PDB file of N, CA and C in Angstrom:
ATOM      1  N   UNK A   1      -2.149 -34.912  28.069  1.00  0.00           N
ATOM      2  CA  UNK A   1      -1.428 -35.625  28.483  1.00  0.00           C
ATOM      3  C   UNK A   1      -1.227 -35.093  29.993  1.00  0.00           C
ATOM      4  N   UNK A   2      -0.786 -36.423  30.476  1.00  0.00           N
ATOM      5  CA  UNK A   2      -0.841 -36.363  32.334  1.00  0.00           C
ATOM      6  C   UNK A   2       0.355 -35.415  32.333  1.00  0.00           C
ATOM      7  N   UNK A   3       0.648 -34.747  33.572  1.00  0.00           N
ATOM      8  CA  UNK A   3       2.200 -34.069  34.003  1.00  0.00           C
ATOM      9  C   UNK A   3       3.110 -35.281  34.665  1.00  0.00           C
ATOM     10  N   UNK A   4       2.644 -35.917  35.014  1.00  0.00           N
ATOM     11  CA  UNK A   4       3.454 -37.060  35.396  1.00  0.00           C
ATOM     12  C   UNK A   4       4.233 -37.771  34.592  1.00  0.00           C
ATOM     13  N   UNK A   5       3.575 -37.995  33.060  1.00  0.00           N
ATOM     14  CA  UNK A   5       4.164 -38.709  32.133  1.00  0.00           C
ATOM     15  C   UNK A   5       4.749 -37.708  31.328  1.00  0.00           C
ATOM     16  N   UNK A   6       4.522 -36.387  31.420  1.00  0.00           N
ATOM     17  CA  UNK A   6       5.141 -35.644  30.436  1.00  0.00           C
ATOM     18  C   UNK A   6       6.340 -35.432  31.124  1.00  0.00           C
ATOM     19  N   UNK A   7       6.549 -34.787  32.601  1.00  0.00           N
ATOM     20  CA  UNK A   7       7.303 -33.905  33.082  1.00  0.00           C
ATOM     21  C   UNK A   7       7.893 -34.797  34.199  1.00  0.00           C
ATOM     22  N   UNK A   8       7.240 -35.498  34.821  1.00  0.00           N
ATOM     23  CA  UNK A   8       7.470 -35.841  36.363  1.00  0.00           C
ATOM     24  C   UNK A   8       8.753 -36.835  36.506  1.00  0.00           C
ATOM     25  N   UNK A   9       8.940 -37.595  35.528  1.00  0.00           N
ATOM     26  CA  UNK A   9       9.856 -38.627  35.453  1.00  0.00           C
ATOM     27  C   UNK A   9      11.306 -38.203  34.662  1.00  0.00           C
ATOM     28  N   UNK A  10      10.819 -37.426  33.964  1.00  0.00           N
ATOM     29  CA  UNK A  10      11.961 -36.820  32.673  1.00  0.00           C
ATOM     30  C   UNK A  10      13.120 -35.951  33.220  1.00  0.00           C
ATOM     31  N   UNK A  11      14.378 -36.393  32.470  1.00  0.00           N
ATOM     32  CA  UNK A  11      15.218 -35.508  32.958  1.00  0.00           C
ATOM     33  C   UNK A  11      15.027 -34.146  32.185  1.00  0.00           C
ATOM     34  N   UNK A  12      15.232 -32.761  32.838  1.00  0.00           N
ATOM     35  CA  UNK A  12      15.422 -31.504  32.704  1.00  0.00           C
ATOM     36  C   UNK A  12      16.163 -30.875  32.130  1.00  0.00           C
ATOM     37  N   UNK A  13      16.424 -30.382  31.013  1.00  0.00           N
ATOM     38  CA  UNK A  13      17.776 -29.675  30.430  1.00  0.00           C
ATOM     39  C   UNK A  13      17.334 -28.072  30.146  1.00  0.00           C
ATOM     40  N   UNK A  14      18.223 -27.360  30.744  1.00  0.00           N
ATOM     41  CA  UNK A  14      18.174 -25.642  30.899  1.00  0.00           C
ATOM     42  C   UNK A  14      18.359 -25.120  29.623  1.00  0.00           C
ATOM     43  N   UNK A  15      19.218 -25.954  28.573  1.00  0.00           N
ATOM     44  CA  UNK A  15      19.509 -25.167  27.493  1.00  0.00           C
ATOM     45  C   UNK A  15      19.289 -26.312  26.382  1.00  0.00           C
ATOM     46  N   UNK A  16      18.786 -25.531  25.205  1.00  0.00           N
ATOM     47  CA  UNK A  16      18.574 -26.456  23.643  1.00  0.00           C
ATOM     48  C   UNK A  16      20.022 -27.003  23.431  1.00  0.00           C
ATOM     49  N   UNK A  17      20.974 -26.794  23.398  1.00  0.00           N
ATOM     50  CA  UNK A  17      22.165 -27.293  23.206  1.00  0.00           C
ATOM     51  C   UNK A  17      22.571 -28.740  24.137  1.00  0.00           C
ATOM     52  N   UNK A  18      21.936 -28.532  25.281  1.00  0.00           N
ATOM     53  CA  UNK A  18      22.250 -29.726  26.438  1.00  0.00           C
ATOM     54  C   UNK A  18      21.535 -30.554  25.931  1.00  0.00           C
ATOM     55  N   UNK A  19      20.201 -30.230  25.747  1.00  0.00           N
ATOM     56  CA  UNK A  19      19.363 -31.423  25.496  1.00  0.00           C
ATOM     57  C   UNK A  19      19.561 -32.189  24.023  1.00  0.00           C
ATOM     58  N   UNK A  20      20.043 -31.225  23.236  1.00  0.00           N
ATOM     59  CA  UNK A  20      20.505 -31.929  21.697  1.00  0.00           C
ATOM     60  C   UNK A  20      21.719 -32.620  21.804  1.00  0.00           C
ATOM     61  N   UNK A  21      22.324 -32.547  22.687  1.00  0.00           N
ATOM     62  CA  UNK A  21      23.895 -33.481  23.333  1.00  0.00           C
ATOM     63  C   UNK A  21      23.207 -34.981  23.729  1.00  0.00           C
ATOM     64  N   UNK A  22      22.350 -34.556  24.509  1.00  0.00           N
ATOM     65  CA  UNK A  22      21.785 -35.889  25.386  1.00  0.00           C
ATOM     66  C   UNK A  22      21.109 -36.816  24.603  1.00  0.00           C
ATOM     67  N   UNK A  23      20.153 -36.260  23.505  1.00  0.00           N
ATOM     68  CA  UNK A  23      19.455 -36.883  22.580  1.00  0.00           C
ATOM     69  C   UNK A  23      20.426 -37.468  21.552  1.00  0.00           C
ATOM     70  N   UNK A  24      21.172 -36.758  21.012  1.00  0.00           N
ATOM     71  CA  UNK A  24      22.566 -37.835  20.347  1.00  0.00           C
ATOM     72  C   UNK A  24      23.247 -38.869  21.097  1.00  0.00           C
ATOM     73  N   UNK A  25      23.627 -38.528  22.078  1.00  0.00           N
ATOM     74  CA  UNK A  25      24.141 -39.919  22.969  1.00  0.00           C
ATOM     75  C   UNK A  25      23.058 -40.891  23.236  1.00  0.00           C
ATOM     76  N   UNK A  26      21.764 -40.559  23.592  1.00  0.00           N
ATOM     77  CA  UNK A  26      20.704 -41.571  23.814  1.00  0.00           C
ATOM     78  C   UNK A  26      20.599 -42.577  22.465  1.00  0.00           C
ATOM     79  N   UNK A  27      20.527 -41.553  21.250  1.00  0.00           N
ATOM     80  CA  UNK A  27      20.213 -42.490  19.786  1.00  0.00           C
ATOM     81  C   UNK A  27      21.090 -43.297  19.723  1.00  0.00           C
ATOM     82  N   UNK A  28      22.416 -42.998  19.821  1.00  0.00           N
ATOM     83  CA  UNK A  28      23.666 -43.833  19.649  1.00  0.00           C
ATOM     84  C   UNK A  28      23.787 -44.753  20.827  1.00  0.00           C
ATOM     85  N   UNK A  29      23.427 -44.526  21.846  1.00  0.00           N
ATOM     86  CA  UNK A  29      23.641 -45.509  23.019  1.00  0.00           C
ATOM     87  C   UNK A  29      22.330 -46.855  23.096  1.00  0.00           C
ATOM     88  N   UNK A  30      21.139 -46.131  22.379  1.00  0.00           N
ATOM     89  CA  UNK A  30      20.042 -47.528  22.231  1.00  0.00           C
ATOM     90  C   UNK A  30      19.680 -47.739  21.020  1.00  0.00           C
ATOM     91  N   UNK A  31      20.103 -47.282  20.066  1.00  0.00           N
ATOM     92  CA  UNK A  31      20.051 -47.568  18.817  1.00  0.00           C
ATOM     93  C   UNK A  31      18.227 -47.357  18.319  1.00  0.00           C
ATOM     94  N   UNK A  32      17.600 -46.099  18.780  1.00  0.00           N
ATOM     95  CA  UNK A  32      16.573 -45.805  18.568  1.00  0.00           C
ATOM     96  C   UNK A  32      16.621 -44.081  18.287  1.00  0.00           C
ATOM     97  N   UNK A  33      15.550 -43.834  17.803  1.00  0.00           N
ATOM     98  CA  UNK A  33      15.700 -42.001  17.573  1.00  0.00           C
ATOM     99  C   UNK A  33      14.993 -41.358  18.719  1.00  0.00           C
ATOM    100  N   UNK A  34      15.745 -40.365  18.974  1.00  0.00           N
ATOM    101  CA  UNK A  34      15.348 -39.643  20.333  1.00  0.00           C
ATOM    102  C   UNK A  34      15.324 -38.456  19.828  1.00  0.00           C
ATOM    103  N   UNK A  35      14.452 -37.136  20.372  1.00  0.00           N
ATOM    104  CA  UNK A  35      14.343 -35.774  19.850  1.00  0.00           C
ATOM    105  C   UNK A  35      14.227 -35.009  21.245  1.00  0.00           C
ATOM    106  N   UNK A  36      14.643 -33.812  20.997  1.00  0.00           N
ATOM    107  CA  UNK A  36      14.269 -32.952  22.103  1.00  0.00           C
ATOM    108  C   UNK A  36      12.883 -32.219  21.932  1.00  0.00           C
ATOM    109  N   UNK A  37      12.248 -31.618  22.745  1.00  0.00           N
ATOM    110  CA  UNK A  37      11.294 -30.755  22.839  1.00  0.00           C
ATOM    111  C   UNK A  37      11.173 -30.101  23.980  1.00  0.00           C
ATOM    112  N   UNK A  38      10.657 -29.001  24.013  1.00  0.00           N
ATOM    113  CA  UNK A  38       9.838 -27.918  24.946  1.00  0.00           C
ATOM    114  C   UNK A  38       8.969 -28.439  25.606  1.00  0.00           C
ATOM    115  N   UNK A  39       8.849 -28.592  27.362  1.00  0.00           N
ATOM    116  CA  UNK A  39       7.798 -29.320  27.917  1.00  0.00           C
ATOM    117  C   UNK A  39       6.802 -28.014  28.195  1.00  0.00           C
ATOM    118  N   UNK A  40       5.844 -28.461  27.886  1.00  0.00           N
ATOM    119  CA  UNK A  40       4.365 -27.719  28.075  1.00  0.00           C
ATOM    120  C   UNK A  40       4.035 -27.222  29.466  1.00  0.00           C
ATOM    121  N   UNK A  41       4.813 -28.148  30.377  1.00  0.00           N
ATOM    122  CA  UNK A  41       4.248 -27.656  31.806  1.00  0.00           C
ATOM    123  C   UNK A  41       5.419 -26.877  32.354  1.00  0.00           C
ATOM    124  N   UNK A  42       6.661 -27.352  32.470  1.00  0.00           N
ATOM    125  CA  UNK A  42       7.946 -26.672  32.954  1.00  0.00           C
ATOM    126  C   UNK A  42       8.648 -25.734  32.143  1.00  0.00           C
ATOM    127  N   UNK A  43       8.284 -25.971  30.984  1.00  0.00           N
ATOM    128  CA  UNK A  43       9.045 -25.045  30.046  1.00  0.00           C
ATOM    129  C   UNK A  43      10.523 -24.941  29.738  1.00  0.00           C
ATOM    130  N   UNK A  44      11.096 -26.126  30.287  1.00  0.00           N
ATOM    131  CA  UNK A  44      12.378 -26.347  30.126  1.00  0.00           C
ATOM    132  C   UNK A  44      12.579 -27.588  28.651  1.00  0.00           C
ATOM    133  N   UNK A  45      13.591 -28.142  28.363  1.00  0.00           N
ATOM    134  CA  UNK A  45      13.567 -29.272  27.490  1.00  0.00           C
ATOM    135  C   UNK A  45      13.678 -30.499  27.828  1.00  0.00           C
ATOM    136  N   UNK A  46      13.487 -31.464  27.174  1.00  0.00           N
ATOM    137  CA  UNK A  46      12.813 -33.069  27.630  1.00  0.00           C
ATOM    138  C   UNK A  46      13.421 -33.774  26.318  1.00  0.00           C
ATOM    139  N   UNK A  47      13.973 -35.042  26.584  1.00  0.00           N
ATOM    140  CA  UNK A  47      14.256 -35.813  25.591  1.00  0.00           C
ATOM    141  C   UNK A  47      13.290 -36.698  25.581  1.00  0.00           C
ATOM    142  N   UNK A  48      12.917 -37.085  24.127  1.00  0.00           N
ATOM    143  CA  UNK A  48      11.956 -38.418  24.173  1.00  0.00           C
ATOM    144  C   UNK A  48      12.192 -39.367  22.985  1.00  0.00           C
ATOM    145  N   UNK A  49      11.670 -40.197  23.072  1.00  0.00           N
ATOM    146  CA  UNK A  49      11.472 -41.139  21.662  1.00  0.00           C
ATOM    147  C   UNK A  49      10.740 -40.347  20.532  1.00  0.00           C
ATOM    148  N   UNK A  50      11.523 -40.641  19.399  1.00  0.00           N
ATOM    149  CA  UNK A  50      10.922 -39.910  18.195  1.00  0.00           C
ATOM    150  C   UNK A  50       9.593 -40.679  17.606  1.00  0.00           C
ATOM    151  N   UNK A  51       9.604 -42.278  17.841  1.00  0.00           N
ATOM    152  CA  UNK A  51       8.561 -42.898  17.593  1.00  0.00           C
ATOM    153  C   UNK A  51       7.638 -43.218  18.707  1.00  0.00           C
ATOM    154  N   UNK A  52       6.571 -43.040  18.858  1.00  0.00           N
ATOM    155  CA  UNK A  52       5.511 -43.187  20.013  1.00  0.00           C
ATOM    156  C   UNK A  52       5.890 -44.719  20.466  1.00  0.00           C
ATOM    157  N   UNK A  53       5.543 -45.141  21.732  1.00  0.00           N
ATOM    158  CA  UNK A  53       5.954 -46.379  22.608  1.00  0.00           C
ATOM    159  C   UNK A  53       4.977 -47.463  21.889  1.00  0.00           C
ATOM    160  N   UNK A  54       3.917 -46.954  21.478  1.00  0.00           N
ATOM    161  CA  UNK A  54       2.657 -48.101  21.047  1.00  0.00           C
ATOM    162  C   UNK A  54       3.155 -48.576  19.465  1.00  0.00           C
ATOM    163  N   UNK A  55       4.100 -47.741  18.614  1.00  0.00           N
ATOM    164  CA  UNK A  55       4.531 -47.903  17.193  1.00  0.00           C
ATOM    165  C   UNK A  55       5.892 -48.803  17.387  1.00  0.00           C
ATOM    166  N   UNK A  56       6.665 -48.636  18.685  1.00  0.00           N
ATOM    167  CA  UNK A  56       7.794 -49.241  18.947  1.00  0.00           C
ATOM    168  C   UNK A  56       7.366 -50.798  19.441  1.00  0.00           C
ATOM    169  N   UNK A  57       6.527 -51.047  20.001  1.00  0.00           N
ATOM    170  CA  UNK A  57       6.144 -52.415  20.385  1.00  0.00           C
ATOM    171  C   UNK A  57       5.818 -53.414  19.650  1.00  0.00           C
ATOM    172  N   UNK A  58       6.312 -54.487  19.396  1.00  0.00           N
ATOM    173  CA  UNK A  58       5.908 -55.589  18.388  1.00  0.00           C
ATOM    174  C   UNK A  58       4.360 -55.779  18.541  1.00  0.00           C
ATOM    175  N   UNK A  59       3.803 -56.734  17.297  1.00  0.00           N
ATOM    176  CA  UNK A  59       2.359 -56.401  17.326  1.00  0.00           C
ATOM    177  C   UNK A  59       2.321 -57.685  18.291  1.00  0.00           C
ATOM    178  N   UNK A  60       2.896 -59.098  18.217  1.00  0.00           N
ATOM    179  CA  UNK A  60       2.589 -59.883  19.244  1.00  0.00           C
ATOM    180  C   UNK A  60       2.964 -59.749  20.795  1.00  0.00           C
ATOM    181  N   UNK A  61       3.384 -58.616  21.146  1.00  0.00           N
ATOM    182  CA  UNK A  61       3.344 -58.520  22.561  1.00  0.00           C
ATOM    183  C   UNK A  61       2.252 -57.815  23.403  1.00  0.00           C
TER     184      UNK A  61
END
């Protein structure tokens, strides 16, 4: 995975608790599942979709 996609545009969180809170808020706001993970590049926490983009896209799109 490329660093600009993994880390470049994503919000970074210093603590796991902060990222967990953000994931919960995003899940409620967007009605999609989000999760937190530790970035392999910056070693901070990011929040991302639980279901990959290609699986979220409708078949006809």
